[in-house]
Amino acid sequence: MFQEIIEIETLVVIASKCALKRYEEGEHIVVEGCPGDSMYVVKSGRVSVTQSCNTDSVVQHQGPAHIELAQLGPKVGFCKADALTSHGLTATPP
């Protein structure tokens, strides 16, 4: 996946810093409004990316509390935007 753009030695160093973590269905990986400092790669299964519809409790009772923005599958990486920006990095679509 990254072998075309990163030297194998660099990939080995990155892999040595990684830890396998298993999440149960419905468990939150990152939470909206909380700081993020990690990157995640989906090894198997699917991850649902959601966003709060509104913080006004009256409006929440009239509709869904969250909307699904995307579903991510195996070999897809993701992180919270502040995990990038806190290190002076940004990511935008090409």
Foldseek 3Di string as FASTA:
>chain_A
DCVVPDPPVVVVVVVVPDDDDDDDPPDDPDDPPDDWADKDFAAADKDWDKDAPDPPPVVCVVDPRIDTDDMDGHGDMDIDQNNQVVVPHGDDDD
